[in-house]
N, C-alpha and C. Protein backbone atom coordinates (compact mmCIF):
# COMPACT_ATOMS: atom_id res chain seq x y z
N MET A 1 -9.21 4.61 -1.09
CA MET A 1 -9.88 3.73 -2.01
C MET A 1 -8.89 2.65 -2.46
N LEU A 2 -8.47 2.72 -3.70
CA LEU A 2 -7.51 1.75 -4.21
C LEU A 2 -6.11 2.36 -4.18
N ILE A 3 -5.12 1.53 -4.00
CA ILE A 3 -3.74 2.02 -4.01
C ILE A 3 -3.42 2.52 -5.42
N PRO A 4 -2.78 3.67 -5.53
CA PRO A 4 -2.42 4.17 -6.88
C PRO A 4 -1.46 3.22 -7.59
N ILE A 5 -1.54 3.20 -8.90
CA ILE A 5 -0.67 2.34 -9.70
C ILE A 5 0.78 2.76 -9.56
N ARG A 6 1.02 4.06 -9.60
CA ARG A 6 2.37 4.60 -9.52
C ARG A 6 2.50 5.59 -8.37
N CYS A 7 3.72 5.75 -7.89
CA CYS A 7 4.01 6.73 -6.85
C CYS A 7 3.74 8.13 -7.40
N PHE A 8 3.12 8.98 -6.60
CA PHE A 8 2.80 10.33 -7.04
C PHE A 8 4.05 11.16 -7.31
N SER A 9 5.12 10.91 -6.58
CA SER A 9 6.32 11.74 -6.69
C SER A 9 7.30 11.27 -7.77
N CYS A 10 7.69 10.00 -7.70
CA CYS A 10 8.74 9.53 -8.61
C CYS A 10 8.21 8.75 -9.81
N GLY A 11 6.98 8.27 -9.76
CA GLY A 11 6.40 7.57 -10.89
C GLY A 11 6.70 6.08 -10.97
N ARG A 12 7.35 5.52 -9.96
CA ARG A 12 7.63 4.08 -9.97
C ARG A 12 6.33 3.30 -9.76
N PRO A 13 6.18 2.17 -10.42
CA PRO A 13 5.00 1.33 -10.19
C PRO A 13 5.06 0.71 -8.79
N ILE A 14 3.98 0.82 -8.03
CA ILE A 14 3.97 0.30 -6.67
C ILE A 14 2.78 -0.61 -6.38
N ALA A 15 1.77 -0.59 -7.21
CA ALA A 15 0.53 -1.31 -6.91
C ALA A 15 0.72 -2.82 -6.84
N GLN A 16 1.71 -3.36 -7.50
CA GLN A 16 1.90 -4.81 -7.51
C GLN A 16 2.30 -5.34 -6.14
N HIS A 17 2.77 -4.47 -5.26
CA HIS A 17 3.19 -4.89 -3.93
C HIS A 17 2.08 -4.79 -2.89
N TRP A 18 0.95 -4.18 -3.21
CA TRP A 18 -0.07 -3.87 -2.21
C TRP A 18 -0.65 -5.10 -1.53
N GLU A 19 -1.04 -6.12 -2.26
CA GLU A 19 -1.67 -7.30 -1.67
C GLU A 19 -0.72 -8.03 -0.71
N VAL A 20 0.53 -8.16 -1.11
CA VAL A 20 1.52 -8.82 -0.25
C VAL A 20 1.74 -7.98 1.00
N TYR A 21 1.89 -6.67 0.83
CA TYR A 21 2.08 -5.76 1.95
C TYR A 21 0.91 -5.86 2.93
N LYS A 22 -0.30 -5.78 2.42
CA LYS A 22 -1.49 -5.80 3.26
C LYS A 22 -1.61 -7.12 4.02
N SER A 23 -1.36 -8.23 3.36
CA SER A 23 -1.49 -9.52 4.04
C SER A 23 -0.43 -9.69 5.13
N ARG A 24 0.78 -9.24 4.87
CA ARG A 24 1.84 -9.38 5.87
C ARG A 24 1.63 -8.44 7.06
N ILE A 25 1.09 -7.26 6.81
CA ILE A 25 0.80 -6.33 7.90
C ILE A 25 -0.32 -6.87 8.78
N GLU A 26 -1.33 -7.48 8.17
CA GLU A 26 -2.43 -8.06 8.94
C GLU A 26 -1.97 -9.22 9.81
N LYS A 27 -0.87 -9.88 9.42
CA LYS A 27 -0.30 -10.97 10.23
C LYS A 27 0.53 -10.43 11.39
N GLY A 28 0.77 -9.12 11.42
CA GLY A 28 1.48 -8.52 12.54
C GLY A 28 2.93 -8.17 12.28
N GLU A 29 3.38 -8.21 11.05
CA GLU A 29 4.77 -7.88 10.76
C GLU A 29 4.98 -6.36 10.77
N ASP A 30 6.21 -5.96 10.94
CA ASP A 30 6.59 -4.55 10.96
C ASP A 30 6.50 -3.97 9.55
N PRO A 31 5.77 -2.84 9.36
CA PRO A 31 5.63 -2.27 8.01
C PRO A 31 6.95 -1.91 7.35
N GLY A 32 7.90 -1.39 8.11
CA GLY A 32 9.20 -1.03 7.54
C GLY A 32 9.96 -2.23 7.01
N LYS A 33 9.93 -3.32 7.76
CA LYS A 33 10.63 -4.53 7.33
C LYS A 33 9.96 -5.13 6.09
N VAL A 34 8.63 -5.09 6.04
CA VAL A 34 7.92 -5.62 4.88
C VAL A 34 8.28 -4.82 3.64
N LEU A 35 8.31 -3.50 3.75
CA LEU A 35 8.66 -2.66 2.60
C LEU A 35 10.10 -2.90 2.16
N ASP A 36 11.00 -3.11 3.11
CA ASP A 36 12.38 -3.44 2.76
C ASP A 36 12.45 -4.76 1.99
N ASP A 37 11.71 -5.76 2.47
CA ASP A 37 11.70 -7.06 1.79
C ASP A 37 11.12 -6.97 0.39
N LEU A 38 10.14 -6.09 0.18
CA LEU A 38 9.53 -5.92 -1.13
C LEU A 38 10.37 -5.07 -2.07
N GLY A 39 11.41 -4.43 -1.55
CA GLY A 39 12.28 -3.62 -2.39
C GLY A 39 11.80 -2.19 -2.56
N VAL A 40 10.94 -1.73 -1.66
CA VAL A 40 10.46 -0.35 -1.71
C VAL A 40 11.32 0.45 -0.74
N HIS A 41 12.31 1.17 -1.28
CA HIS A 41 13.27 1.87 -0.44
C HIS A 41 13.12 3.39 -0.46
N SER A 42 12.51 3.95 -1.47
CA SER A 42 12.36 5.40 -1.57
C SER A 42 11.34 5.91 -0.56
N TYR A 43 11.63 7.05 0.04
CA TYR A 43 10.72 7.62 1.02
C TYR A 43 9.36 7.94 0.41
N CYS A 44 9.37 8.42 -0.82
CA CYS A 44 8.11 8.81 -1.45
C CYS A 44 7.24 7.59 -1.71
N CYS A 45 7.84 6.48 -2.09
CA CYS A 45 7.06 5.26 -2.34
C CYS A 45 6.58 4.63 -1.03
N ARG A 46 7.41 4.70 -0.01
CA ARG A 46 7.04 4.14 1.29
C ARG A 46 5.86 4.87 1.89
N ARG A 47 5.79 6.17 1.71
CA ARG A 47 4.67 6.93 2.27
C ARG A 47 3.36 6.59 1.57
N MET A 48 3.45 6.14 0.32
CA MET A 48 2.24 5.73 -0.39
C MET A 48 1.62 4.51 0.29
N PHE A 49 2.44 3.62 0.80
CA PHE A 49 1.93 2.43 1.48
C PHE A 49 1.49 2.75 2.91
N ILE A 50 2.35 3.44 3.64
CA ILE A 50 2.08 3.67 5.05
C ILE A 50 0.91 4.64 5.24
N GLY A 51 0.76 5.59 4.34
CA GLY A 51 -0.33 6.56 4.46
C GLY A 51 -1.64 6.13 3.86
N HIS A 52 -1.67 4.99 3.17
CA HIS A 52 -2.89 4.54 2.50
C HIS A 52 -3.80 3.78 3.46
N ARG A 53 -5.09 4.09 3.41
CA ARG A 53 -6.10 3.37 4.18
C ARG A 53 -7.09 2.76 3.21
N ASP A 54 -7.31 1.48 3.34
CA ASP A 54 -8.20 0.76 2.42
C ASP A 54 -9.64 0.93 2.90
N ILE A 55 -10.40 1.82 2.25
CA ILE A 55 -11.78 2.06 2.65
C ILE A 55 -12.78 1.42 1.70
N MET A 56 -12.31 0.67 0.74
CA MET A 56 -13.21 0.04 -0.22
C MET A 56 -14.25 -0.86 0.44
N PRO A 57 -13.92 -1.69 1.43
CA PRO A 57 -14.96 -2.52 2.05
C PRO A 57 -16.08 -1.68 2.67
N LYS A 58 -15.75 -0.52 3.22
CA LYS A 58 -16.79 0.35 3.79
C LYS A 58 -17.66 0.96 2.70
N LEU A 59 -17.07 1.28 1.56
CA LEU A 59 -17.84 1.88 0.48
C LEU A 59 -18.78 0.88 -0.19
N LEU A 60 -18.44 -0.40 -0.14
CA LEU A 60 -19.28 -1.42 -0.76
C LEU A 60 -20.59 -1.62 -0.02
N ASP A 61 -20.69 -1.11 1.21
CA ASP A 61 -21.94 -1.20 1.95
C ASP A 61 -23.02 -0.28 1.39
N TYR A 62 -22.62 0.73 0.63
CA TYR A 62 -23.57 1.69 0.11
C TYR A 62 -23.81 1.44 -1.37
N SER A 63 -25.00 1.76 -1.83
CA SER A 63 -25.31 1.63 -3.24
C SER A 63 -25.74 2.98 -3.79
N ILE A 64 -25.59 3.14 -5.07
CA ILE A 64 -25.95 4.42 -5.70
C ILE A 64 -27.38 4.38 -6.15
């Protein structure tokens, strides 16, 4: 769904980097290099980005 505001393990705020990360990945850049440029160096924070799948556009097709 939405990227969590903070890392589940260490509690650092990470959500502010999501839009930049997503746009650069869509342009074809290497995810590891993008995370390094954004200053996300902890393994726990990096897995939050790499393991996240944005399914919100698919959910918007359905109504309650």
